[in-house]
């Protein structure tokens, strides 16, 4: 079951629990069915990879693993603090925008649209 997540691809987030607690990063991928996100450079795991053909070398590859959305918070671009997000309606309730719960500033999406 897909859920509506408040975190979008391209958002800057702070990890609030776990080994990488307090570190910031950019969201690379959102997995709404599993309620997880992949953050750039965080939650690294090693994977033993077989060569796919004779030219590949294979070996141990390090990559980012997913993190549950409850363990990350969006960083407000105005106040720079990790925050919850709210929704406000603009243009006579025709459009919705995400806002910072701490300072009330708009949190734009990665492509700059609302």
PDB file of N, CA and C in Angstrom:
ATOM      1  N   UNK A   1       0.831  -1.170   0.000  1.00  0.00           N
ATOM      2  CA  UNK A   1       0.000   0.000   0.000  1.00  0.00           C
ATOM      3  C   UNK A   1       0.884   1.245   0.000  1.00  0.00           C
ATOM      4  N   UNK A   2       0.732   2.068  -1.013  1.00  0.00           N
ATOM      5  CA  UNK A   2       1.519   3.299  -1.108  1.00  0.00           C
ATOM      6  C   UNK A   2       0.930   4.366  -0.191  1.00  0.00           C
ATOM      7  N   UNK A   3       1.818   5.065   0.502  1.00  0.00           N
ATOM      8  CA  UNK A   3       1.371   6.135   1.383  1.00  0.00           C
ATOM      9  C   UNK A   3       1.909   7.457   0.877  1.00  0.00           C
ATOM     10  N   UNK A   4       1.298   8.537   1.310  1.00  0.00           N
ATOM     11  CA  UNK A   4       1.743   9.864   0.932  1.00  0.00           C
ATOM     12  C   UNK A   4       2.813  10.315   1.918  1.00  0.00           C
ATOM     13  N   UNK A   5       4.044  10.444   1.449  1.00  0.00           N
ATOM     14  CA  UNK A   5       5.164  10.815   2.305  1.00  0.00           C
ATOM     15  C   UNK A   5       5.432  12.308   2.203  1.00  0.00           C
ATOM     16  N   UNK A   6       5.908  12.901   3.280  1.00  0.00           N
ATOM     17  CA  UNK A   6       6.238  14.320   3.295  1.00  0.00           C
ATOM     18  C   UNK A   6       7.648  14.585   2.787  1.00  0.00           C
ATOM     19  N   UNK A   7       8.387  13.549   2.484  1.00  0.00           N
ATOM     20  CA  UNK A   7       9.762  13.687   2.007  1.00  0.00           C
ATOM     21  C   UNK A   7       9.779  13.381   0.512  1.00  0.00           C
ATOM     22  N   UNK A   8      10.409  14.261  -0.250  1.00  0.00           N
ATOM     23  CA  UNK A   8      10.457  14.129  -1.702  1.00  0.00           C
ATOM     24  C   UNK A   8      11.896  13.937  -2.160  1.00  0.00           C
ATOM     25  N   UNK A   9      12.059  13.399  -3.363  1.00  0.00           N
ATOM     26  CA  UNK A   9      13.379  13.225  -3.962  1.00  0.00           C
ATOM     27  C   UNK A   9      14.038  14.598  -4.110  1.00  0.00           C
ATOM     28  N   UNK A  10      15.298  14.704  -3.696  1.00  0.00           N
ATOM     29  CA  UNK A  10      16.035  15.961  -3.793  1.00  0.00           C
ATOM     30  C   UNK A  10      16.008  16.793  -2.526  1.00  0.00           C
ATOM     31  N   UNK A  11      15.184  16.416  -1.535  1.00  0.00           N
ATOM     32  CA  UNK A  11      15.137  17.151  -0.271  1.00  0.00           C
ATOM     33  C   UNK A  11      16.426  16.963   0.507  1.00  0.00           C
ATOM     34  N   UNK A  12      16.823  17.995   1.245  1.00  0.00           N
ATOM     35  CA  UNK A  12      17.920  17.856   2.188  1.00  0.00           C
ATOM     36  C   UNK A  12      17.318  17.399   3.505  1.00  0.00           C
ATOM     37  N   UNK A  13      17.853  16.311   4.053  1.00  0.00           N
ATOM     38  CA  UNK A  13      17.313  15.747   5.286  1.00  0.00           C
ATOM     39  C   UNK A  13      18.425  15.540   6.304  1.00  0.00           C
ATOM     40  N   UNK A  14      18.031  15.439   7.570  1.00  0.00           N
ATOM     41  CA  UNK A  14      18.954  15.088   8.646  1.00  0.00           C
ATOM     42  C   UNK A  14      18.488  13.763   9.230  1.00  0.00           C
ATOM     43  N   UNK A  15      19.433  12.867   9.447  1.00  0.00           N
ATOM     44  CA  UNK A  15      19.119  11.581  10.058  1.00  0.00           C
ATOM     45  C   UNK A  15      19.086  11.792  11.562  1.00  0.00           C
ATOM     46  N   UNK A  16      18.013  11.341  12.216  1.00  0.00           N
ATOM     47  CA  UNK A  16      17.837  11.634  13.639  1.00  0.00           C
ATOM     48  C   UNK A  16      18.132  10.446  14.543  1.00  0.00           C
ATOM     49  N   UNK A  17      18.255   9.236  14.000  1.00  0.00           N
ATOM     50  CA  UNK A  17      18.588   8.074  14.823  1.00  0.00           C
ATOM     51  C   UNK A  17      19.573   7.181  14.087  1.00  0.00           C
ATOM     52  N   UNK A  18      20.190   6.288  14.829  1.00  0.00           N
ATOM     53  CA  UNK A  18      21.073   5.302  14.227  1.00  0.00           C
ATOM     54  C   UNK A  18      22.521   5.754  14.188  1.00  0.00           C
ATOM     55  N   UNK A  19      23.307   5.023  13.438  1.00  0.00           N
ATOM     56  CA  UNK A  19      24.753   5.250  13.343  1.00  0.00           C
ATOM     57  C   UNK A  19      25.085   6.615  12.738  1.00  0.00           C
ATOM     58  N   UNK A  20      24.271   7.067  11.800  1.00  0.00           N
ATOM     59  CA  UNK A  20      24.512   8.342  11.122  1.00  0.00           C
ATOM     60  C   UNK A  20      23.710   9.484  11.725  1.00  0.00           C
ATOM     61  N   UNK A  21      23.285   9.383  12.961  1.00  0.00           N
ATOM     62  CA  UNK A  21      22.461  10.412  13.598  1.00  0.00           C
ATOM     63  C   UNK A  21      23.168  11.761  13.593  1.00  0.00           C
ATOM     64  N   UNK A  22      22.423  12.812  13.226  1.00  0.00           N
ATOM     65  CA  UNK A  22      22.975  14.163  13.188  1.00  0.00           C
ATOM     66  C   UNK A  22      23.610  14.545  11.871  1.00  0.00           C
ATOM     67  N   UNK A  23      23.719  13.607  10.941  1.00  0.00           N
ATOM     68  CA  UNK A  23      24.340  13.899   9.645  1.00  0.00           C
ATOM     69  C   UNK A  23      23.266  14.263   8.625  1.00  0.00           C
ATOM     70  N   UNK A  24      23.654  15.117   7.688  1.00  0.00           N
ATOM     71  CA  UNK A  24      22.726  15.573   6.659  1.00  0.00           C
ATOM     72  C   UNK A  24      23.077  14.959   5.321  1.00  0.00           C
ATOM     73  N   UNK A  25      22.086  14.912   4.437  1.00  0.00           N
ATOM     74  CA  UNK A  25      22.298  14.402   3.091  1.00  0.00           C
ATOM     75  C   UNK A  25      21.111  14.676   2.211  1.00  0.00           C
ATOM     76  N   UNK A  26      21.264  14.405   0.926  1.00  0.00           N
ATOM     77  CA  UNK A  26      20.218  14.647  -0.051  1.00  0.00           C
ATOM     78  C   UNK A  26      19.512  13.323  -0.358  1.00  0.00           C
ATOM     79  N   UNK A  27      18.191  13.360  -0.488  1.00  0.00           N
ATOM     80  CA  UNK A  27      17.409  12.160  -0.783  1.00  0.00           C
ATOM     81  C   UNK A  27      17.604  11.804  -2.255  1.00  0.00           C
ATOM     82  N   UNK A  28      18.080  10.578  -2.501  1.00  0.00           N
ATOM     83  CA  UNK A  28      18.290  10.102  -3.862  1.00  0.00           C
ATOM     84  C   UNK A  28      17.062   9.378  -4.401  1.00  0.00           C
ATOM     85  N   UNK A  29      16.383   8.639  -3.522  1.00  0.00           N
ATOM     86  CA  UNK A  29      15.258   7.827  -3.952  1.00  0.00           C
ATOM     87  C   UNK A  29      14.250   7.723  -2.824  1.00  0.00           C
ATOM     88  N   UNK A  30      12.967   7.739  -3.174  1.00  0.00           N
ATOM     89  CA  UNK A  30      11.890   7.567  -2.209  1.00  0.00           C
ATOM     90  C   UNK A  30      11.160   6.277  -2.563  1.00  0.00           C
ATOM     91  N   UNK A  31      10.971   5.407  -1.563  1.00  0.00           N
ATOM     92  CA  UNK A  31      10.267   4.147  -1.755  1.00  0.00           C
ATOM     93  C   UNK A  31       8.970   4.192  -0.951  1.00  0.00           C
ATOM     94  N   UNK A  32       7.879   4.744  -1.524  1.00  0.00           N
ATOM     95  CA  UNK A  32       6.659   4.944  -0.747  1.00  0.00           C
ATOM     96  C   UNK A  32       5.982   3.651  -0.309  1.00  0.00           C
ATOM     97  N   UNK A  33       6.120   2.573  -1.079  1.00  0.00           N
ATOM     98  CA  UNK A  33       5.492   1.306  -0.692  1.00  0.00           C
ATOM     99  C   UNK A  33       6.092   0.744   0.588  1.00  0.00           C
ATOM    100  N   UNK A  34       7.392   0.947   0.781  1.00  0.00           N
ATOM    101  CA  UNK A  34       8.074   0.455   1.983  1.00  0.00           C
ATOM    102  C   UNK A  34       8.267   1.536   3.039  1.00  0.00           C
ATOM    103  N   UNK A  35       7.859   2.782   2.737  1.00  0.00           N
ATOM    104  CA  UNK A  35       8.029   3.932   3.625  1.00  0.00           C
ATOM    105  C   UNK A  35       9.499   4.144   3.979  1.00  0.00           C
ATOM    106  N   UNK A  36      10.359   4.121   2.952  1.00  0.00           N
ATOM    107  CA  UNK A  36      11.790   4.262   3.153  1.00  0.00           C
ATOM    108  C   UNK A  36      12.357   5.257   2.153  1.00  0.00           C
ATOM    109  N   UNK A  37      13.540   5.809   2.483  1.00  0.00           N
ATOM    110  CA  UNK A  37      14.252   6.723   1.600  1.00  0.00           C
ATOM    111  C   UNK A  37      15.714   6.315   1.539  1.00  0.00           C
ATOM    112  N   UNK A  38      16.372   6.668   0.436  1.00  0.00           N
ATOM    113  CA  UNK A  38      17.810   6.452   0.276  1.00  0.00           C
ATOM    114  C   UNK A  38      18.462   7.820   0.321  1.00  0.00           C
ATOM    115  N   UNK A  39      19.420   8.011   1.238  1.00  0.00           N
ATOM    116  CA  UNK A  39      20.081   9.298   1.424  1.00  0.00           C
ATOM    117  C   UNK A  39      21.517   9.197   0.916  1.00  0.00           C
ATOM    118  N   UNK A  40      21.928  10.210   0.156  1.00  0.00           N
ATOM    119  CA  UNK A  40      23.251  10.233  -0.474  1.00  0.00           C
ATOM    120  C   UNK A  40      24.368  10.193   0.569  1.00  0.00           C
ATOM    121  N   UNK A  41      25.249   9.196   0.466  1.00  0.00           N
ATOM    122  CA  UNK A  41      26.424   9.101   1.328  1.00  0.00           C
ATOM    123  C   UNK A  41      26.158   8.629   2.743  1.00  0.00           C
ATOM    124  N   UNK A  42      24.955   8.208   3.059  1.00  0.00           N
ATOM    125  CA  UNK A  42      24.604   7.787   4.417  1.00  0.00           C
ATOM    126  C   UNK A  42      24.089   6.342   4.419  1.00  0.00           C
ATOM    127  N   UNK A  43      24.213   5.684   5.577  1.00  0.00           N
ATOM    128  CA  UNK A  43      23.776   4.296   5.773  1.00  0.00           C
ATOM    129  C   UNK A  43      24.430   3.371   4.748  1.00  0.00           C
ATOM    130  N   UNK A  44      25.753   3.458   4.662  1.00  0.00           N
ATOM    131  CA  UNK A  44      26.515   2.662   3.693  1.00  0.00           C
ATOM    132  C   UNK A  44      26.573   1.199   4.124  1.00  0.00           C
ATOM    133  N   UNK A  45      26.410   0.310   3.159  1.00  0.00           N
ATOM    134  CA  UNK A  45      26.541  -1.128   3.387  1.00  0.00           C
ATOM    135  C   UNK A  45      27.473  -1.688   2.314  1.00  0.00           C
ATOM    136  N   UNK A  46      28.096  -2.812   2.611  1.00  0.00           N
ATOM    137  CA  UNK A  46      28.941  -3.471   1.622  1.00  0.00           C
ATOM    138  C   UNK A  46      28.177  -4.647   1.028  1.00  0.00           C
ATOM    139  N   UNK A  47      28.365  -4.829  -0.265  1.00  0.00           N
ATOM    140  CA  UNK A  47      27.680  -5.902  -0.977  1.00  0.00           C
ATOM    141  C   UNK A  47      28.710  -6.673  -1.783  1.00  0.00           C
ATOM    142  N   UNK A  48      28.677  -7.980  -1.668  1.00  0.00           N
ATOM    143  CA  UNK A  48      29.569  -8.833  -2.439  1.00  0.00           C
ATOM    144  C   UNK A  48      28.906  -9.075  -3.791  1.00  0.00           C
ATOM    145  N   UNK A  49      29.555  -8.587  -4.855  1.00  0.00           N
ATOM    146  CA  UNK A  49      28.939  -8.641  -6.174  1.00  0.00           C
ATOM    147  C   UNK A  49      29.734  -9.549  -7.092  1.00  0.00           C
ATOM    148  N   UNK A  50      29.009 -10.465  -7.746  1.00  0.00           N
ATOM    149  CA  UNK A  50      29.646 -11.357  -8.705  1.00  0.00           C
ATOM    150  C   UNK A  50      29.841 -10.616 -10.026  1.00  0.00           C
ATOM    151  N   UNK A  51      30.860 -10.991 -10.796  1.00  0.00           N
ATOM    152  CA  UNK A  51      31.011 -10.381 -12.113  1.00  0.00           C
ATOM    153  C   UNK A  51      29.866 -10.816 -13.032  1.00  0.00           C
ATOM    154  N   UNK A  52      29.292  -9.868 -13.785  1.00  0.00           N
ATOM    155  CA  UNK A  52      28.162 -10.187 -14.659  1.00  0.00           C
ATOM    156  C   UNK A  52      28.636 -10.812 -15.983  1.00  0.00           C
ATOM    157  N   UNK A  53      29.839 -10.460 -16.412  1.00  0.00           N
ATOM    158  CA  UNK A  53      30.406 -11.068 -17.619  1.00  0.00           C
ATOM    159  C   UNK A  53      31.918 -11.192 -17.411  1.00  0.00           C
ATOM    160  N   UNK A  54      32.641 -11.660 -18.425  1.00  0.00           N
ATOM    161  CA  UNK A  54      34.069 -11.911 -18.261  1.00  0.00           C
ATOM    162  C   UNK A  54      34.882 -10.632 -18.095  1.00  0.00           C
ATOM    163  N   UNK A  55      34.384  -9.509 -18.591  1.00  0.00           N
ATOM    164  CA  UNK A  55      35.118  -8.257 -18.465  1.00  0.00           C
ATOM    165  C   UNK A  55      34.955  -7.618 -17.091  1.00  0.00           C
ATOM    166  N   UNK A  56      33.848  -7.901 -16.386  1.00  0.00           N
ATOM    167  CA  UNK A  56      33.621  -7.345 -15.050  1.00  0.00           C
ATOM    168  C   UNK A  56      34.564  -7.987 -14.044  1.00  0.00           C
ATOM    169  N   UNK A  57      34.926  -7.215 -13.026  1.00  0.00           N
ATOM    170  CA  UNK A  57      35.816  -7.748 -11.999  1.00  0.00           C
ATOM    171  C   UNK A  57      35.052  -8.255 -10.787  1.00  0.00           C
ATOM    172  N   UNK A  58      33.873  -7.694 -10.523  1.00  0.00           N
ATOM    173  CA  UNK A  58      33.147  -8.096  -9.325  1.00  0.00           C
ATOM    174  C   UNK A  58      33.841  -7.555  -8.091  1.00  0.00           C
ATOM    175  N   UNK A  59      33.576  -8.135  -6.938  1.00  0.00           N
ATOM    176  CA  UNK A  59      34.240  -7.726  -5.713  1.00  0.00           C
ATOM    177  C   UNK A  59      33.270  -7.158  -4.697  1.00  0.00           C
ATOM    178  N   UNK A  60      33.814  -6.446  -3.725  1.00  0.00           N
ATOM    179  CA  UNK A  60      33.001  -5.870  -2.657  1.00  0.00           C
ATOM    180  C   UNK A  60      32.667  -4.432  -3.032  1.00  0.00           C
ATOM    181  N   UNK A  61      31.377  -4.134  -3.112  1.00  0.00           N
ATOM    182  CA  UNK A  61      30.899  -2.818  -3.527  1.00  0.00           C
ATOM    183  C   UNK A  61      30.217  -2.160  -2.334  1.00  0.00           C
ATOM    184  N   UNK A  62      30.491  -0.868  -2.143  1.00  0.00           N
ATOM    185  CA  UNK A  62      29.852  -0.124  -1.057  1.00  0.00           C
ATOM    186  C   UNK A  62      28.763   0.757  -1.651  1.00  0.00           C
ATOM    187  N   UNK A  63      27.555   0.719  -1.056  1.00  0.00           N
ATOM    188  CA  UNK A  63      26.452   1.524  -1.568  1.00  0.00           C
ATOM    189  C   UNK A  63      25.543   1.957  -0.430  1.00  0.00           C
ATOM    190  N   UNK A  64      24.608   2.883  -0.729  1.00  0.00           N
ATOM    191  CA  UNK A  64      23.689   3.384   0.282  1.00  0.00           C
ATOM    192  C   UNK A  64      22.499   2.440   0.420  1.00  0.00           C
ATOM    193  N   UNK A  65      22.102   2.172   1.650  1.00  0.00           N
ATOM    194  CA  UNK A  65      20.910   1.379   1.922  1.00  0.00           C
ATOM    195  C   UNK A  65      19.785   2.335   2.318  1.00  0.00           C
ATOM    196  N   UNK A  66      18.562   1.828   2.300  1.00  0.00           N
ATOM    197  CA  UNK A  66      17.420   2.680   2.616  1.00  0.00           C
ATOM    198  C   UNK A  66      17.270   2.876   4.125  1.00  0.00           C
ATOM    199  N   UNK A  67      16.597   3.976   4.495  1.00  0.00           N
ATOM    200  CA  UNK A  67      16.335   4.335   5.888  1.00  0.00           C
ATOM    201  C   UNK A  67      14.837   4.574   6.004  1.00  0.00           C
ATOM    202  N   UNK A  68      14.238   4.160   7.103  1.00  0.00           N
ATOM    203  CA  UNK A  68      12.813   4.396   7.301  1.00  0.00           C
ATOM    204  C   UNK A  68      12.556   5.890   7.430  1.00  0.00           C
ATOM    205  N   UNK A  69      11.420   6.364   6.886  1.00  0.00           N
ATOM    206  CA  UNK A  69      11.133   7.798   6.873  1.00  0.00           C
ATOM    207  C   UNK A  69      10.965   8.380   8.270  1.00  0.00           C
ATOM    208  N   UNK A  70      10.649   7.562   9.257  1.00  0.00           N
ATOM    209  CA  UNK A  70      10.505   8.075  10.618  1.00  0.00           C
ATOM    210  C   UNK A  70      11.852   8.433  11.235  1.00  0.00           C
ATOM    211  N   UNK A  71      12.940   8.020  10.613  1.00  0.00           N
ATOM    212  CA  UNK A  71      14.276   8.285  11.141  1.00  0.00           C
ATOM    213  C   UNK A  71      14.963   9.467  10.475  1.00  0.00           C
ATOM    214  N   UNK A  72      14.250  10.184   9.610  1.00  0.00           N
ATOM    215  CA  UNK A  72      14.809  11.374   8.963  1.00  0.00           C
ATOM    216  C   UNK A  72      13.829  12.536   9.082  1.00  0.00           C
ATOM    217  N   UNK A  73      14.383  13.760   9.078  1.00  0.00           N
ATOM    218  CA  UNK A  73      13.570  14.977   9.083  1.00  0.00           C
ATOM    219  C   UNK A  73      14.081  15.907   7.994  1.00  0.00           C
ATOM    220  N   UNK A  74      13.162  16.618   7.363  1.00  0.00           N
ATOM    221  CA  UNK A  74      13.513  17.584   6.324  1.00  0.00           C
ATOM    222  C   UNK A  74      14.204  18.775   6.976  1.00  0.00           C
ATOM    223  N   UNK A  75      15.275  19.265   6.344  1.00  0.00           N
ATOM    224  CA  UNK A  75      15.984  20.452   6.832  1.00  0.00           C
ATOM    225  C   UNK A  75      15.401  21.669   6.119  1.00  0.00           C
ATOM    226  N   UNK A  76      14.938  22.640   6.899  1.00  0.00           N
ATOM    227  CA  UNK A  76      14.344  23.866   6.353  1.00  0.00           C
ATOM    228  C   UNK A  76      15.430  24.691   5.663  1.00  0.00           C
ATOM    229  N   UNK A  77      15.197  25.153   4.423  1.00  0.00           N
ATOM    230  CA  UNK A  77      16.219  25.958   3.742  1.00  0.00           C
ATOM    231  C   UNK A  77      16.398  27.344   4.364  1.00  0.00           C
ATOM    232  N   UNK A  78      15.392  27.864   5.067  1.00  0.00           N
ATOM    233  CA  UNK A  78      15.494  29.203   5.646  1.00  0.00           C
ATOM    234  C   UNK A  78      16.175  29.176   7.008  1.00  0.00           C
ATOM    235  N   UNK A  79      15.657  28.366   7.954  1.00  0.00           N
ATOM    236  CA  UNK A  79      16.219  28.372   9.310  1.00  0.00           C
ATOM    237  C   UNK A  79      17.321  27.324   9.498  1.00  0.00           C
ATOM    238  N   UNK A  80      17.447  26.361   8.573  1.00  0.00           N
ATOM    239  CA  UNK A  80      18.522  25.377   8.630  1.00  0.00           C
ATOM    240  C   UNK A  80      18.357  24.316   9.697  1.00  0.00           C
ATOM    241  N   UNK A  81      17.167  24.204  10.272  1.00  0.00           N
ATOM    242  CA  UNK A  81      16.926  23.226  11.335  1.00  0.00           C
ATOM    243  C   UNK A  81      16.104  22.057  10.803  1.00  0.00           C
ATOM    244  N   UNK A  82      16.305  20.855  11.378  1.00  0.00           N
ATOM    245  CA  UNK A  82      15.435  19.738  10.997  1.00  0.00           C
ATOM    246  C   UNK A  82      14.031  19.995  11.521  1.00  0.00           C
ATOM    247  N   UNK A  83      13.037  19.759  10.697  1.00  0.00           N
ATOM    248  CA  UNK A  83      11.685  20.130  11.060  1.00  0.00           C
ATOM    249  C   UNK A  83      10.657  19.170  10.473  1.00  0.00           C
ATOM    250  N   UNK A  84       9.468  19.220  11.044  1.00  0.00           N
ATOM    251  CA  UNK A  84       8.332  18.548  10.434  1.00  0.00           C
ATOM    252  C   UNK A  84       7.797  19.464   9.338  1.00  0.00           C
ATOM    253  N   UNK A  85       7.049  18.911   8.417  1.00  0.00           N
ATOM    254  CA  UNK A  85       6.492  19.729   7.356  1.00  0.00           C
ATOM    255  C   UNK A  85       4.980  19.786   7.496  1.00  0.00           C
ATOM    256  N   UNK A  86       4.431  20.934   7.130  1.00  0.00           N
ATOM    257  CA  UNK A  86       2.990  21.111   7.102  1.00  0.00           C
ATOM    258  C   UNK A  86       2.565  21.461   5.688  1.00  0.00           C
ATOM    259  N   UNK A  87       1.269  21.530   5.475  1.00  0.00           N
ATOM    260  CA  UNK A  87       0.741  21.862   4.153  1.00  0.00           C
ATOM    261  C   UNK A  87      -0.129  23.098   4.281  1.00  0.00           C
ATOM    262  N   UNK A  88       0.072  24.046   3.375  1.00  0.00           N
ATOM    263  CA  UNK A  88      -0.776  25.226   3.294  1.00  0.00           C
ATOM    264  C   UNK A  88      -1.346  25.298   1.890  1.00  0.00           C
ATOM    265  N   UNK A  89      -2.550  25.810   1.789  1.00  0.00           N
ATOM    266  CA  UNK A  89      -3.201  25.963   0.500  1.00  0.00           C
ATOM    267  C   UNK A  89      -3.021  27.394   0.001  1.00  0.00           C
ATOM    268  N   UNK A  90      -2.745  27.546  -1.295  1.00  0.00           N
ATOM    269  CA  UNK A  90      -2.607  28.857  -1.915  1.00  0.00           C
ATOM    270  C   UNK A  90      -3.513  28.909  -3.143  1.00  0.00           C
ATOM    271  N   UNK A  91      -3.699  30.096  -3.671  1.00  0.00           N
ATOM    272  CA  UNK A  91      -4.534  30.291  -4.868  1.00  0.00           C
ATOM    273  C   UNK A  91      -5.927  29.709  -4.685  1.00  0.00           C
ATOM    274  N   UNK A  92      -6.587  30.125  -3.598  1.00  0.00           N
ATOM    275  CA  UNK A  92      -7.958  29.702  -3.324  1.00  0.00           C
ATOM    276  C   UNK A  92      -8.077  28.174  -3.270  1.00  0.00           C
ATOM    277  N   UNK A  93      -7.149  27.540  -2.550  1.00  0.00           N
ATOM    278  CA  UNK A  93      -7.107  26.092  -2.319  1.00  0.00           C
ATOM    279  C   UNK A  93      -6.891  25.279  -3.591  1.00  0.00           C
ATOM    280  N   UNK A  94      -6.303  25.898  -4.617  1.00  0.00           N
ATOM    281  CA  UNK A  94      -6.023  25.183  -5.857  1.00  0.00           C
ATOM    282  C   UNK A  94      -4.687  24.454  -5.791  1.00  0.00           C
ATOM    283  N   UNK A  95      -3.724  25.014  -5.022  1.00  0.00           N
ATOM    284  CA  UNK A  95      -2.397  24.399  -4.909  1.00  0.00           C
ATOM    285  C   UNK A  95      -2.035  24.214  -3.455  1.00  0.00           C
ATOM    286  N   UNK A  96      -1.218  23.189  -3.208  1.00  0.00           N
ATOM    287  CA  UNK A  96      -0.707  22.934  -1.866  1.00  0.00           C
ATOM    288  C   UNK A  96       0.796  23.170  -1.870  1.00  0.00           C
ATOM    289  N   UNK A  97       1.326  23.742  -0.794  1.00  0.00           N
ATOM    290  CA  UNK A  97       2.769  23.893  -0.641  1.00  0.00           C
ATOM    291  C   UNK A  97       3.184  23.319   0.708  1.00  0.00           C
ATOM    292  N   UNK A  98       4.428  22.853   0.770  1.00  0.00           N
ATOM    293  CA  UNK A  98       4.971  22.365   2.041  1.00  0.00           C
ATOM    294  C   UNK A  98       5.595  23.531   2.779  1.00  0.00           C
ATOM    295  N   UNK A  99       5.368  23.585   4.092  1.00  0.00           N
ATOM    296  CA  UNK A  99       5.927  24.665   4.904  1.00  0.00           C
ATOM    297  C   UNK A  99       6.630  24.073   6.120  1.00  0.00           C
ATOM    298  N   UNK A 100       7.608  24.837   6.623  1.00  0.00           N
ATOM    299  CA  UNK A 100       8.350  24.482   7.831  1.00  0.00           C
ATOM    300  C   UNK A 100       7.454  24.720   9.037  1.00  0.00           C
ATOM    301  N   UNK A 101       7.368  23.766   9.946  1.00  0.00           N
ATOM    302  CA  UNK A 101       6.552  23.918  11.153  1.00  0.00           C
ATOM    303  C   UNK A 101       7.212  24.849  12.168  1.00  0.00           C
ATOM    304  N   UNK A 102       8.533  25.098  12.047  1.00  0.00           N
ATOM    305  CA  UNK A 102       9.227  25.954  13.015  1.00  0.00           C
ATOM    306  C   UNK A 102       9.171  27.425  12.624  1.00  0.00           C
ATOM    307  N   UNK A 103       9.450  27.737  11.349  1.00  0.00           N
ATOM    308  CA  UNK A 103       9.511  29.146  10.952  1.00  0.00           C
ATOM    309  C   UNK A 103       8.435  29.540   9.953  1.00  0.00           C
ATOM    310  N   UNK A 104       7.737  28.580   9.378  1.00  0.00           N
ATOM    311  CA  UNK A 104       6.661  28.890   8.443  1.00  0.00           C
ATOM    312  C   UNK A 104       7.103  29.130   7.019  1.00  0.00           C
ATOM    313  N   UNK A 105       8.397  28.957   6.718  1.00  0.00           N
ATOM    314  CA  UNK A 105       8.909  29.187   5.365  1.00  0.00           C
ATOM    315  C   UNK A 105       8.486  28.055   4.435  1.00  0.00           C
ATOM    316  N   UNK A 106       8.369  28.384   3.150  1.00  0.00           N
ATOM    317  CA  UNK A 106       8.012  27.381   2.156  1.00  0.00           C
ATOM    318  C   UNK A 106       9.203  26.460   1.902  1.00  0.00           C
ATOM    319  N   UNK A 107       8.934  25.163   1.765  1.00  0.00           N
ATOM    320  CA  UNK A 107       9.964  24.180   1.451  1.00  0.00           C
ATOM    321  C   UNK A 107       9.712  23.746   0.011  1.00  0.00           C
ATOM    322  N   UNK A 108      10.526  24.250  -0.943  1.00  0.00           N
ATOM    323  CA  UNK A 108      10.294  23.900  -2.347  1.00  0.00           C
ATOM    324  C   UNK A 108      10.757  22.479  -2.650  1.00  0.00           C
ATOM    325  N   UNK A 109      10.246  21.921  -3.750  1.00  0.00           N
ATOM    326  CA  UNK A 109      10.702  20.615  -4.187  1.00  0.00           C
ATOM    327  C   UNK A 109      12.015  20.782  -4.938  1.00  0.00           C
ATOM    328  N   UNK A 110      12.649  19.689  -5.316  1.00  0.00           N
ATOM    329  CA  UNK A 110      13.961  19.732  -5.938  1.00  0.00           C
ATOM    330  C   UNK A 110      13.940  20.442  -7.299  1.00  0.00           C
ATOM    331  N   UNK A 111      12.839  20.315  -8.032  1.00  0.00           N
ATOM    332  CA  UNK A 111      12.765  20.955  -9.345  1.00  0.00           C
ATOM    333  C   UNK A 111      12.300  22.404  -9.256  1.00  0.00           C
ATOM    334  N   UNK A 112      12.076  22.904  -8.027  1.00  0.00           N
ATOM    335  CA  UNK A 112      11.718  24.300  -7.826  1.00  0.00           C
ATOM    336  C   UNK A 112      10.227  24.598  -7.901  1.00  0.00           C
ATOM    337  N   UNK A 113       9.430  23.584  -8.210  1.00  0.00           N
ATOM    338  CA  UNK A 113       7.992  23.801  -8.262  1.00  0.00           C
ATOM    339  C   UNK A 113       7.398  23.637  -6.881  1.00  0.00           C
ATOM    340  N   UNK A 114       6.151  24.018  -6.761  1.00  0.00           N
ATOM    341  CA  UNK A 114       5.493  23.901  -5.471  1.00  0.00           C
ATOM    342  C   UNK A 114       4.989  22.528  -5.243  1.00  0.00           C
TER     343      UNK A 114
END
